[in-house]
Amino acid sequence: MQKWAKTGTKLLLHGPEYDQTLKEGPPFSVSYAQMKELYEGVADHEMLESIDNPSFGLDKTLYQAFLMTFH
């Protein structure tokens, strides 16, 4: 992604985070820690929203939105 994203490029990243041992995707769970590790040193990130909205028959599902700004 860093190859095509020029400095200052912004990307809205959003998706669910849940315990994948309880349900396999799709949609697949991406944790905040995974997202940070993936984009570390490539983009700054700002969490715009994190909402607990149980779905897929699970007790807890976080829907998170991040604004990524590439270096």
Foldseek 3Di string as FASTA:
>chain_A
DLVPADAFDKDKDKDKADPCVVPPDVVHHDDPVNVCVVCPPFWDKDKPDWDFDDDPPDPTMIITIIMTGTD
